[in-house]
Amino acid sequence: MNLQISGHHLEITPAIHAYVTGKLERVTRHFDNVIDVNVILSVDKLKQKAEVTVHLSGKDVFVEAIDEDLYAAVDSLVDKLDRQVQKHKQKLQDHHRGQKISHIVKD
């Protein structure tokens, strides 16, 4: 996994970098095919914003979260991202099993 963390109007300290990296390990634990992860953390007066773009095999997932606290924004972001990745993984598993959904049309 290729991880890039950048900040807008914010310096990425080792503590923030370690926190984000630790939280994103949860996503890679659920789905191994993560190719690239770009995280952007930004600060606007009273709003802390965290954005992530995850490049999976066959799909890009973009998630953002805004909160008053940067760590809370990262937590919310990882929760949303985890749901999206699990949803994508479930769709892949459903399609590759060869199960066909038959629609019955009633006259």
PDB file of N, CA and C in Angstrom:
ATOM      1  N   MET A   1       0.851  -1.178   0.000  1.00  0.00           N
ATOM      2  CA  MET A   1       0.000   0.000   0.000  1.00  0.00           C
ATOM      3  C   MET A   1       0.888   1.230   0.000  1.00  0.00           C
ATOM      4  N   ASN A   2       0.587   2.143  -0.882  1.00  0.00           N
ATOM      5  CA  ASN A   2       1.309   3.389  -1.007  1.00  0.00           C
ATOM      6  C   ASN A   2       0.512   4.472  -0.281  1.00  0.00           C
ATOM      7  N   LEU A   3       1.038   5.029   0.797  1.00  0.00           N
ATOM      8  CA  LEU A   3       0.316   6.002   1.615  1.00  0.00           C
ATOM      9  C   LEU A   3       0.956   7.372   1.494  1.00  0.00           C
ATOM     10  N   GLN A   4       0.127   8.389   1.204  1.00  0.00           N
ATOM     11  CA  GLN A   4       0.598   9.763   1.119  1.00  0.00           C
ATOM     12  C   GLN A   4      -0.316  10.632   1.976  1.00  0.00           C
ATOM     13  N   ILE A   5       0.259  11.316   2.946  1.00  0.00           N
ATOM     14  CA  ILE A   5      -0.502  12.205   3.829  1.00  0.00           C
ATOM     15  C   ILE A   5       0.015  13.619   3.626  1.00  0.00           C
ATOM     16  N   SER A   6      -0.901  14.537   3.320  1.00  0.00           N
ATOM     17  CA  SER A   6      -0.515  15.934   3.138  1.00  0.00           C
ATOM     18  C   SER A   6      -1.469  16.822   3.917  1.00  0.00           C
ATOM     19  N   GLY A   7      -1.012  18.049   4.185  1.00  0.00           N
ATOM     20  CA  GLY A   7      -1.830  18.978   4.945  1.00  0.00           C
ATOM     21  C   GLY A   7      -1.946  20.313   4.256  1.00  0.00           C
ATOM     22  N   HIS A   8      -3.128  20.895   4.323  1.00  0.00           N
ATOM     23  CA  HIS A   8      -3.369  22.246   3.820  1.00  0.00           C
ATOM     24  C   HIS A   8      -3.574  23.145   5.025  1.00  0.00           C
ATOM     25  N   HIS A   9      -2.730  24.153   5.156  1.00  0.00           N
ATOM     26  CA  HIS A   9      -2.755  25.054   6.303  1.00  0.00           C
ATOM     27  C   HIS A   9      -2.521  24.286   7.603  1.00  0.00           C
ATOM     28  N   LEU A  10      -1.744  23.226   7.514  1.00  0.00           N
ATOM     29  CA  LEU A  10      -1.528  22.346   8.650  1.00  0.00           C
ATOM     30  C   LEU A  10      -0.207  21.614   8.460  1.00  0.00           C
ATOM     31  N   GLU A  11       0.574  21.535   9.524  1.00  0.00           N
ATOM     32  CA  GLU A  11       1.806  20.761   9.474  1.00  0.00           C
ATOM     33  C   GLU A  11       1.507  19.349   9.956  1.00  0.00           C
ATOM     34  N   ILE A  12       1.937  18.370   9.188  1.00  0.00           N
ATOM     35  CA  ILE A  12       1.707  16.971   9.551  1.00  0.00           C
ATOM     36  C   ILE A  12       2.803  16.564  10.540  1.00  0.00           C
ATOM     37  N   THR A  13       2.433  16.468  11.796  1.00  0.00           N
ATOM     38  CA  THR A  13       3.381  16.070  12.835  1.00  0.00           C
ATOM     39  C   THR A  13       3.516  14.549  12.840  1.00  0.00           C
ATOM     40  N   PRO A  14       4.576  14.039  13.438  1.00  0.00           N
ATOM     41  CA  PRO A  14       4.712  12.572  13.534  1.00  0.00           C
ATOM     42  C   PRO A  14       3.541  11.920  14.279  1.00  0.00           C
ATOM     43  N   ALA A  15       2.970  12.626  15.258  1.00  0.00           N
ATOM     44  CA  ALA A  15       1.829  12.080  16.003  1.00  0.00           C
ATOM     45  C   ALA A  15       0.608  11.935  15.093  1.00  0.00           C
ATOM     46  N   ILE A  16       0.330  12.952  14.285  1.00  0.00           N
ATOM     47  CA  ILE A  16      -0.812  12.888  13.364  1.00  0.00           C
ATOM     48  C   ILE A  16      -0.564  11.814  12.319  1.00  0.00           C
ATOM     49  N   HIS A  17       0.653  11.745  11.798  1.00  0.00           N
ATOM     50  CA  HIS A  17       0.995  10.737  10.785  1.00  0.00           C
ATOM     51  C   HIS A  17       0.807   9.326  11.343  1.00  0.00           C
ATOM     52  N   ALA A  18       1.275   9.099  12.562  1.00  0.00           N
ATOM     53  CA  ALA A  18       1.137   7.777  13.184  1.00  0.00           C
ATOM     54  C   ALA A  18      -0.328   7.447  13.444  1.00  0.00           C
ATOM     55  N   TYR A  19      -1.121   8.443  13.863  1.00  0.00           N
ATOM     56  CA  TYR A  19      -2.536   8.228  14.148  1.00  0.00           C
ATOM     57  C   TYR A  19      -3.292   7.822  12.878  1.00  0.00           C
ATOM     58  N   VAL A  20      -3.069   8.568  11.791  1.00  0.00           N
ATOM     59  CA  VAL A  20      -3.755   8.278  10.529  1.00  0.00           C
ATOM     60  C   VAL A  20      -3.318   6.914   9.987  1.00  0.00           C
ATOM     61  N   THR A  21      -2.026   6.638  10.053  1.00  0.00           N
ATOM     62  CA  THR A  21      -1.518   5.362   9.567  1.00  0.00           C
ATOM     63  C   THR A  21      -2.114   4.194  10.355  1.00  0.00           C
ATOM     64  N   GLY A  22      -2.180   4.349  11.665  1.00  0.00           N
ATOM     65  CA  GLY A  22      -2.761   3.302  12.504  1.00  0.00           C
ATOM     66  C   GLY A  22      -4.229   3.064  12.208  1.00  0.00           C
ATOM     67  N   LYS A  23      -4.961   4.135  11.970  1.00  0.00           N
ATOM     68  CA  LYS A  23      -6.388   4.002  11.660  1.00  0.00           C
ATOM     69  C   LYS A  23      -6.613   3.364  10.287  1.00  0.00           C
ATOM     70  N   LEU A  24      -5.756   3.684   9.324  1.00  0.00           N
ATOM     71  CA  LEU A  24      -5.932   3.141   7.979  1.00  0.00           C
ATOM     72  C   LEU A  24      -5.535   1.674   7.887  1.00  0.00           C
ATOM     73  N   GLU A  25      -4.810   1.173   8.863  1.00  0.00           N
ATOM     74  CA  GLU A  25      -4.471  -0.257   8.870  1.00  0.00           C
ATOM     75  C   GLU A  25      -5.730  -1.116   8.983  1.00  0.00           C
ATOM     76  N   ARG A  26      -6.761  -0.568   9.620  1.00  0.00           N
ATOM     77  CA  ARG A  26      -8.028  -1.283   9.748  1.00  0.00           C
ATOM     78  C   ARG A  26      -8.642  -1.562   8.382  1.00  0.00           C
ATOM     79  N   VAL A  27      -8.523  -0.610   7.471  1.00  0.00           N
ATOM     80  CA  VAL A  27      -9.070  -0.770   6.128  1.00  0.00           C
ATOM     81  C   VAL A  27      -8.283  -1.833   5.367  1.00  0.00           C
ATOM     82  N   THR A  28      -6.964  -1.808   5.470  1.00  0.00           N
ATOM     83  CA  THR A  28      -6.151  -2.793   4.754  1.00  0.00           C
ATOM     84  C   THR A  28      -6.299  -4.183   5.352  1.00  0.00           C
ATOM     85  N   ARG A  29      -6.712  -4.257   6.606  1.00  0.00           N
ATOM     86  CA  ARG A  29      -6.958  -5.559   7.224  1.00  0.00           C
ATOM     87  C   ARG A  29      -8.195  -6.218   6.607  1.00  0.00           C
ATOM     88  N   HIS A  30      -9.195  -5.401   6.240  1.00  0.00           N
ATOM     89  CA  HIS A  30     -10.425  -5.934   5.651  1.00  0.00           C
ATOM     90  C   HIS A  30     -10.288  -6.209   4.155  1.00  0.00           C
ATOM     91  N   PHE A  31      -9.420  -5.476   3.489  1.00  0.00           N
ATOM     92  CA  PHE A  31      -9.325  -5.598   2.034  1.00  0.00           C
ATOM     93  C   PHE A  31      -7.859  -5.468   1.632  1.00  0.00           C
ATOM     94  N   ASP A  32      -7.291  -6.516   1.052  1.00  0.00           N
ATOM     95  CA  ASP A  32      -5.865  -6.563   0.741  1.00  0.00           C
ATOM     96  C   ASP A  32      -5.493  -5.842  -0.546  1.00  0.00           C
ATOM     97  N   ASN A  33      -6.450  -5.607  -1.425  1.00  0.00           N
ATOM     98  CA  ASN A  33      -6.148  -5.061  -2.747  1.00  0.00           C
ATOM     99  C   ASN A  33      -6.103  -3.536  -2.782  1.00  0.00           C
ATOM    100  N   VAL A  34      -5.662  -2.895  -1.701  1.00  0.00           N
ATOM    101  CA  VAL A  34      -5.514  -1.448  -1.675  1.00  0.00           C
ATOM    102  C   VAL A  34      -4.199  -1.103  -2.351  1.00  0.00           C
ATOM    103  N   ILE A  35      -4.267  -0.311  -3.417  1.00  0.00           N
ATOM    104  CA  ILE A  35      -3.078   0.033  -4.190  1.00  0.00           C
ATOM    105  C   ILE A  35      -2.462   1.329  -3.680  1.00  0.00           C
ATOM    106  N   ASP A  36      -3.280   2.356  -3.522  1.00  0.00           N
ATOM    107  CA  ASP A  36      -2.777   3.683  -3.226  1.00  0.00           C
ATOM    108  C   ASP A  36      -3.754   4.406  -2.308  1.00  0.00           C
ATOM    109  N   VAL A  37      -3.246   5.162  -1.338  1.00  0.00           N
ATOM    110  CA  VAL A  37      -4.087   5.934  -0.418  1.00  0.00           C
ATOM    111  C   VAL A  37      -3.535   7.352  -0.345  1.00  0.00           C
ATOM    112  N   ASN A  38      -4.376   8.352  -0.623  1.00  0.00           N
ATOM    113  CA  ASN A  38      -4.001   9.758  -0.505  1.00  0.00           C
ATOM    114  C   ASN A  38      -4.884  10.409   0.548  1.00  0.00           C
ATOM    115  N   VAL A  39      -4.265  10.962   1.588  1.00  0.00           N
ATOM    116  CA  VAL A  39      -4.998  11.607   2.667  1.00  0.00           C
ATOM    117  C   VAL A  39      -4.641  13.086   2.660  1.00  0.00           C
ATOM    118  N   ILE A  40      -5.670  13.936   2.729  1.00  0.00           N
ATOM    119  CA  ILE A  40      -5.469  15.381   2.806  1.00  0.00           C
ATOM    120  C   ILE A  40      -6.170  15.878   4.064  1.00  0.00           C
ATOM    121  N   LEU A  41      -5.413  16.490   4.944  1.00  0.00           N
ATOM    122  CA  LEU A  41      -5.950  17.075   6.172  1.00  0.00           C
ATOM    123  C   LEU A  41      -5.865  18.584   6.025  1.00  0.00           C
ATOM    124  N   SER A  42      -6.966  19.281   6.333  1.00  0.00           N
ATOM    125  CA  SER A  42      -6.970  20.732   6.190  1.00  0.00           C
ATOM    126  C   SER A  42      -7.695  21.390   7.351  1.00  0.00           C
ATOM    127  N   VAL A  43      -7.354  22.662   7.566  1.00  0.00           N
ATOM    128  CA  VAL A  43      -7.930  23.439   8.655  1.00  0.00           C
ATOM    129  C   VAL A  43      -8.503  24.728   8.083  1.00  0.00           C
ATOM    130  N   ASP A  44      -9.767  25.026   8.387  1.00  0.00           N
ATOM    131  CA  ASP A  44     -10.414  26.285   8.034  1.00  0.00           C
ATOM    132  C   ASP A  44     -11.070  26.838   9.291  1.00  0.00           C
ATOM    133  N   LYS A  45     -10.505  27.865   9.849  1.00  0.00           N
ATOM    134  CA  LYS A  45     -10.984  28.509  11.077  1.00  0.00           C
ATOM    135  C   LYS A  45     -11.442  27.508  12.134  1.00  0.00           C
ATOM    136  N   LEU A  46     -12.721  27.174  12.192  1.00  0.00           N
ATOM    137  CA  LEU A  46     -13.221  26.264  13.233  1.00  0.00           C
ATOM    138  C   LEU A  46     -13.482  24.854  12.725  1.00  0.00           C
ATOM    139  N   LYS A  47     -13.260  24.627  11.430  1.00  0.00           N
ATOM    140  CA  LYS A  47     -13.550  23.309  10.858  1.00  0.00           C
ATOM    141  C   LYS A  47     -12.257  22.576  10.534  1.00  0.00           C
ATOM    142  N   GLN A  48     -12.203  21.326  10.924  1.00  0.00           N
ATOM    143  CA  GLN A  48     -11.094  20.437  10.578  1.00  0.00           C
ATOM    144  C   GLN A  48     -11.638  19.458   9.550  1.00  0.00           C
ATOM    145  N   LYS A  49     -10.965  19.330   8.428  1.00  0.00           N
ATOM    146  CA  LYS A  49     -11.467  18.491   7.344  1.00  0.00           C
ATOM    147  C   LYS A  49     -10.437  17.417   7.015  1.00  0.00           C
ATOM    148  N   ALA A  50     -10.931  16.196   6.856  1.00  0.00           N
ATOM    149  CA  ALA A  50     -10.087  15.075   6.459  1.00  0.00           C
ATOM    150  C   ALA A  50     -10.695  14.453   5.209  1.00  0.00           C
ATOM    151  N   GLU A  51      -9.869  14.264   4.184  1.00  0.00           N
ATOM    152  CA  GLU A  51     -10.303  13.660   2.931  1.00  0.00           C
ATOM    153  C   GLU A  51      -9.375  12.500   2.616  1.00  0.00           C
ATOM    154  N   VAL A  52      -9.921  11.472   2.009  1.00  0.00           N
ATOM    155  CA  VAL A  52      -9.095  10.346   1.586  1.00  0.00           C
ATOM    156  C   VAL A  52      -9.597   9.825   0.246  1.00  0.00           C
ATOM    157  N   THR A  53      -8.652   9.489  -0.615  1.00  0.00           N
ATOM    158  CA  THR A  53      -8.948   8.817  -1.868  1.00  0.00           C
ATOM    159  C   THR A  53      -8.185   7.507  -1.849  1.00  0.00           C
ATOM    160  N   VAL A  54      -8.918   6.407  -1.953  1.00  0.00           N
ATOM    161  CA  VAL A  54      -8.316   5.080  -1.930  1.00  0.00           C
ATOM    162  C   VAL A  54      -8.477   4.464  -3.311  1.00  0.00           C
ATOM    163  N   HIS A  55      -7.352   4.076  -3.896  1.00  0.00           N
ATOM    164  CA  HIS A  55      -7.378   3.430  -5.210  1.00  0.00           C
ATOM    165  C   HIS A  55      -7.340   1.923  -4.987  1.00  0.00           C
ATOM    166  N   LEU A  56      -8.481   1.284  -5.255  1.00  0.00           N
ATOM    167  CA  LEU A  56      -8.587  -0.171  -5.156  1.00  0.00           C
ATOM    168  C   LEU A  56      -8.454  -0.761  -6.547  1.00  0.00           C
ATOM    169  N   SER A  57      -8.313  -2.053  -6.609  1.00  0.00           N
ATOM    170  CA  SER A  57      -8.251  -2.680  -7.930  1.00  0.00           C
ATOM    171  C   SER A  57      -9.632  -2.568  -8.578  1.00  0.00           C
ATOM    172  N   GLY A  58      -9.746  -1.675  -9.560  1.00  0.00           N
ATOM    173  CA  GLY A  58     -10.997  -1.520 -10.281  1.00  0.00           C
ATOM    174  C   GLY A  58     -11.882  -0.387  -9.820  1.00  0.00           C
ATOM    175  N   LYS A  59     -11.511   0.318  -8.757  1.00  0.00           N
ATOM    176  CA  LYS A  59     -12.389   1.379  -8.261  1.00  0.00           C
ATOM    177  C   LYS A  59     -11.613   2.371  -7.408  1.00  0.00           C
ATOM    178  N   ASP A  60     -12.031   3.635  -7.459  1.00  0.00           N
ATOM    179  CA  ASP A  60     -11.506   4.662  -6.565  1.00  0.00           C
ATOM    180  C   ASP A  60     -12.605   5.034  -5.582  1.00  0.00           C
ATOM    181  N   VAL A  61     -12.257   5.123  -4.308  1.00  0.00           N
ATOM    182  CA  VAL A  61     -13.216   5.479  -3.269  1.00  0.00           C
ATOM    183  C   VAL A  61     -12.772   6.804  -2.662  1.00  0.00           C
ATOM    184  N   PHE A  62     -13.681   7.791  -2.633  1.00  0.00           N
ATOM    185  CA  PHE A  62     -13.393   9.097  -2.038  1.00  0.00           C
ATOM    186  C   PHE A  62     -14.322   9.310  -0.858  1.00  0.00           C
ATOM    187  N   VAL A  63     -13.749   9.710   0.278  1.00  0.00           N
ATOM    188  CA  VAL A  63     -14.532   9.963   1.485  1.00  0.00           C
ATOM    189  C   VAL A  63     -13.988  11.223   2.135  1.00  0.00           C
ATOM    190  N   GLU A  64     -14.892  12.031   2.703  1.00  0.00           N
ATOM    191  CA  GLU A  64     -14.454  13.202   3.465  1.00  0.00           C
ATOM    192  C   GLU A  64     -15.269  13.322   4.738  1.00  0.00           C
ATOM    193  N   ALA A  65     -14.660  13.942   5.745  1.00  0.00           N
ATOM    194  CA  ALA A  65     -15.331  14.152   7.026  1.00  0.00           C
ATOM    195  C   ALA A  65     -14.891  15.499   7.587  1.00  0.00           C
ATOM    196  N   ILE A  66     -15.835  16.208   8.198  1.00  0.00           N
ATOM    197  CA  ILE A  66     -15.565  17.524   8.785  1.00  0.00           C
ATOM    198  C   ILE A  66     -15.997  17.485  10.242  1.00  0.00           C
ATOM    199  N   ASP A  67     -15.141  18.009  11.122  1.00  0.00           N
ATOM    200  CA  ASP A  67     -15.445  18.035  12.547  1.00  0.00           C
ATOM    201  C   ASP A  67     -14.685  19.199  13.171  1.00  0.00           C
ATOM    202  N   GLU A  68     -14.993  19.506  14.419  1.00  0.00           N
ATOM    203  CA  GLU A  68     -14.280  20.561  15.126  1.00  0.00           C
ATOM    204  C   GLU A  68     -12.902  20.095  15.581  1.00  0.00           C
ATOM    205  N   ASP A  69     -12.737  18.783  15.765  1.00  0.00           N
ATOM    206  CA  ASP A  69     -11.475  18.209  16.199  1.00  0.00           C
ATOM    207  C   ASP A  69     -10.909  17.361  15.056  1.00  0.00           C
ATOM    208  N   LEU A  70      -9.613  17.504  14.775  1.00  0.00           N
ATOM    209  CA  LEU A  70      -9.003  16.780  13.664  1.00  0.00           C
ATOM    210  C   LEU A  70      -9.020  15.277  13.900  1.00  0.00           C
ATOM    211  N   TYR A  71      -8.768  14.855  15.134  1.00  0.00           N
ATOM    212  CA  TYR A  71      -8.760  13.420  15.429  1.00  0.00           C
ATOM    213  C   TYR A  71     -10.165  12.822  15.292  1.00  0.00           C
ATOM    214  N   ALA A  72     -11.186  13.575  15.668  1.00  0.00           N
ATOM    215  CA  ALA A  72     -12.570  13.113  15.491  1.00  0.00           C
ATOM    216  C   ALA A  72     -12.918  13.031  14.001  1.00  0.00           C
ATOM    217  N   ALA A  73     -12.420  13.977  13.216  1.00  0.00           N
ATOM    218  CA  ALA A  73     -12.657  13.949  11.771  1.00  0.00           C
ATOM    219  C   ALA A  73     -11.997  12.724  11.145  1.00  0.00           C
ATOM    220  N   VAL A  74     -10.783  12.392  11.602  1.00  0.00           N
ATOM    221  CA  VAL A  74     -10.090  11.205  11.087  1.00  0.00           C
ATOM    222  C   VAL A  74     -10.841   9.938  11.480  1.00  0.00           C
ATOM    223  N   ASP A  75     -11.346   9.878  12.720  1.00  0.00           N
ATOM    224  CA  ASP A  75     -12.122   8.715  13.159  1.00  0.00           C
ATOM    225  C   ASP A  75     -13.371   8.527  12.302  1.00  0.00           C
ATOM    226  N   SER A  76     -14.089   9.611  12.080  1.00  0.00           N
ATOM    227  CA  SER A  76     -15.301   9.561  11.259  1.00  0.00           C
ATOM    228  C   SER A  76     -14.960   9.158   9.825  1.00  0.00           C
ATOM    229  N   LEU A  77     -13.871   9.691   9.316  1.00  0.00           N
ATOM    230  CA  LEU A  77     -13.424   9.375   7.964  1.00  0.00           C
ATOM    231  C   LEU A  77     -13.127   7.890   7.815  1.00  0.00           C
ATOM    232  N   VAL A  78     -12.419   7.323   8.767  1.00  0.00           N
ATOM    233  CA  VAL A  78     -12.048   5.909   8.689  1.00  0.00           C
ATOM    234  C   VAL A  78     -13.280   5.019   8.812  1.00  0.00           C
ATOM    235  N   ASP A  79     -14.246   5.413   9.647  1.00  0.00           N
ATOM    236  CA  ASP A  79     -15.488   4.639   9.745  1.00  0.00           C
ATOM    237  C   ASP A  79     -16.233   4.618   8.407  1.00  0.00           C
ATOM    238  N   LYS A  80     -16.349   5.787   7.775  1.00  0.00           N
ATOM    239  CA  LYS A  80     -17.027   5.869   6.480  1.00  0.00           C
ATOM    240  C   LYS A  80     -16.274   5.068   5.421  1.00  0.00           C
ATOM    241  N   LEU A  81     -14.954   5.207   5.431  1.00  0.00           N
ATOM    242  CA  LEU A  81     -14.137   4.498   4.452  1.00  0.00           C
ATOM    243  C   LEU A  81     -14.237   2.997   4.633  1.00  0.00           C
ATOM    244  N   ASP A  82     -14.249   2.551   5.868  1.00  0.00           N
ATOM    245  CA  ASP A  82     -14.347   1.115   6.151  1.00  0.00           C
ATOM    246  C   ASP A  82     -15.658   0.550   5.607  1.00  0.00           C
ATOM    247  N   ARG A  83     -16.756   1.286   5.795  1.00  0.00           N
ATOM    248  CA  ARG A  83     -18.047   0.835   5.259  1.00  0.00           C
ATOM    249  C   ARG A  83     -18.018   0.760   3.738  1.00  0.00           C
ATOM    250  N   GLN A  84     -17.409   1.767   3.096  1.00  0.00           N
ATOM    251  CA  GLN A  84     -17.344   1.775   1.629  1.00  0.00           C
ATOM    252  C   GLN A  84     -16.504   0.616   1.104  1.00  0.00           C
ATOM    253  N   VAL A  85     -15.376   0.348   1.753  1.00  0.00           N
ATOM    254  CA  VAL A  85     -14.496  -0.725   1.298  1.00  0.00           C
ATOM    255  C   VAL A  85     -15.160  -2.086   1.506  1.00  0.00           C
ATOM    256  N   GLN A  86     -15.833  -2.270   2.642  1.00  0.00           N
ATOM    257  CA  GLN A  86     -16.525  -3.534   2.870  1.00  0.00           C
ATOM    258  C   GLN A  86     -17.660  -3.728   1.868  1.00  0.00           C
ATOM    259  N   LYS A  87     -18.344  -2.646   1.522  1.00  0.00           N
ATOM    260  CA  LYS A  87     -19.416  -2.710   0.522  1.00  0.00           C
ATOM    261  C   LYS A  87     -18.835  -3.120  -0.838  1.00  0.00           C
ATOM    262  N   HIS A  88     -17.710  -2.540  -1.207  1.00  0.00           N
ATOM    263  CA  HIS A  88     -17.056  -2.880  -2.469  1.00  0.00           C
ATOM    264  C   HIS A  88     -16.592  -4.338  -2.463  1.00  0.00           C
ATOM    265  N   LYS A  89     -16.033  -4.769  -1.352  1.00  0.00           N
ATOM    266  CA  LYS A  89     -15.566  -6.149  -1.225  1.00  0.00           C
ATOM    267  C   LYS A  89     -16.730  -7.128  -1.350  1.00  0.00           C
ATOM    268  N   GLN A  90     -17.855  -6.795  -0.727  1.00  0.00           N
ATOM    269  CA  GLN A  90     -19.039  -7.650  -0.797  1.00  0.00           C
ATOM    270  C   GLN A  90     -19.555  -7.755  -2.222  1.00  0.00           C
ATOM    271  N   LYS A  91     -19.543  -6.648  -2.947  1.00  0.00           N
ATOM    272  CA  LYS A  91     -19.986  -6.668  -4.338  1.00  0.00           C
ATOM    273  C   LYS A  91     -19.068  -7.540  -5.178  1.00  0.00           C
ATOM    274  N   LEU A  92     -17.771  -7.459  -4.945  1.00  0.00           N
ATOM    275  CA  LEU A  92     -16.831  -8.297  -5.695  1.00  0.00           C
ATOM    276  C   LEU A  92     -17.076  -9.774  -5.417  1.00  0.00           C
ATOM    277  N   GLN A  93     -17.300 -10.120  -4.158  1.00  0.00           N
ATOM    278  CA  GLN A  93     -17.525 -11.511  -3.798  1.00  0.00           C
ATOM    279  C   GLN A  93     -18.829 -12.025  -4.393  1.00  0.00           C
ATOM    280  N   ASP A  94     -19.866 -11.205  -4.397  1.00  0.00           N
ATOM    281  CA  ASP A  94     -21.149 -11.618  -4.953  1.00  0.00           C
ATOM    282  C   ASP A  94     -21.046 -11.864  -6.455  1.00  0.00           C
ATOM    283  N   HIS A  95     -20.305 -11.019  -7.162  1.00  0.00           N
ATOM    284  CA  HIS A  95     -20.223 -11.137  -8.610  1.00  0.00           C
ATOM    285  C   HIS A  95     -19.332 -12.294  -9.049  1.00  0.00           C
ATOM    286  N   HIS A  96     -18.340 -12.638  -8.260  1.00  0.00           N
ATOM    287  CA  HIS A  96     -17.398 -13.662  -8.691  1.00  0.00           C
ATOM    288  C   HIS A  96     -17.837 -15.075  -8.335  1.00  0.00           C
ATOM    289  N   ARG A  97     -18.890 -15.225  -7.603  1.00  0.00           N
ATOM    290  CA  ARG A  97     -19.354 -16.563  -7.259  1.00  0.00           C
ATOM    291  C   ARG A  97     -20.168 -17.202  -8.369  1.00  0.00           C
ATOM    292  N   GLY A  98     -20.551 -16.421  -9.343  1.00  0.00           N
ATOM    293  CA  GLY A  98     -21.317 -16.967 -10.444  1.00  0.00           C
ATOM    294  C   GLY A  98     -22.797 -17.084 -10.140  1.00  0.00           C
ATOM    295  N   GLN A  99     -23.243 -16.457  -9.076  1.00  0.00           N
ATOM    296  CA  GLN A  99     -24.664 -16.510  -8.745  1.00  0.00           C
ATOM    297  C   GLN A  99     -25.408 -15.552  -9.663  1.00  0.00           C
ATOM    298  N   LYS A 100     -26.452 -16.058 -10.244  1.00  0.00           N
ATOM    299  CA  LYS A 100     -27.261 -15.213 -11.111  1.00  0.00           C
ATOM    300  C   LYS A 100     -28.572 -14.912 -10.411  1.00  0.00           C
ATOM    301  N   ILE A 101     -28.930 -13.663 -10.477  1.00  0.00           N
ATOM    302  CA  ILE A 101     -30.193 -13.248  -9.876  1.00  0.00           C
ATOM    303  C   ILE A 101     -31.258 -13.316 -10.968  1.00  0.00           C
ATOM    304  N   SER A 102     -32.243 -14.151 -10.742  1.00  0.00           N
ATOM    305  CA  SER A 102     -33.301 -14.281 -11.730  1.00  0.00           C
ATOM    306  C   SER A 102     -34.502 -13.451 -11.275  1.00  0.00           C
ATOM    307  N   HIS A 103     -34.958 -12.652 -12.177  1.00  0.00           N
ATOM    308  CA  HIS A 103     -36.128 -11.820 -11.906  1.00  0.00           C
ATOM    309  C   HIS A 103     -37.354 -12.506 -12.514  1.00  0.00           C
ATOM    310  N   ILE A 104     -38.322 -12.721 -11.718  1.00  0.00           N
ATOM    311  CA  ILE A 104     -39.548 -13.354 -12.185  1.00  0.00           C
ATOM    312  C   ILE A 104     -40.553 -12.254 -12.493  1.00  0.00           C
ATOM    313  N   VAL A 105     -40.996 -12.239 -13.715  1.00  0.00           N
ATOM    314  CA  VAL A 105     -41.965 -11.236 -14.141  1.00  0.00           C
ATOM    315  C   VAL A 105     -43.344 -11.872 -14.077  1.00  0.00           C
ATOM    316  N   LYS A 106     -44.208 -11.280 -13.296  1.00  0.00           N
ATOM    317  CA  LYS A 106     -45.567 -11.802 -13.168  1.00  0.00           C
ATOM    318  C   LYS A 106     -46.482 -11.063 -14.123  1.00  0.00           C
ATOM    319  N   ASP A 107     -47.271 -11.802 -14.849  1.00  0.00           N
ATOM    320  CA  ASP A 107     -48.227 -11.213 -15.793  1.00  0.00           C
ATOM    321  C   ASP A 107     -49.545 -10.958 -15.142  1.00  0.00           C
TER     322      ASP A 107
END
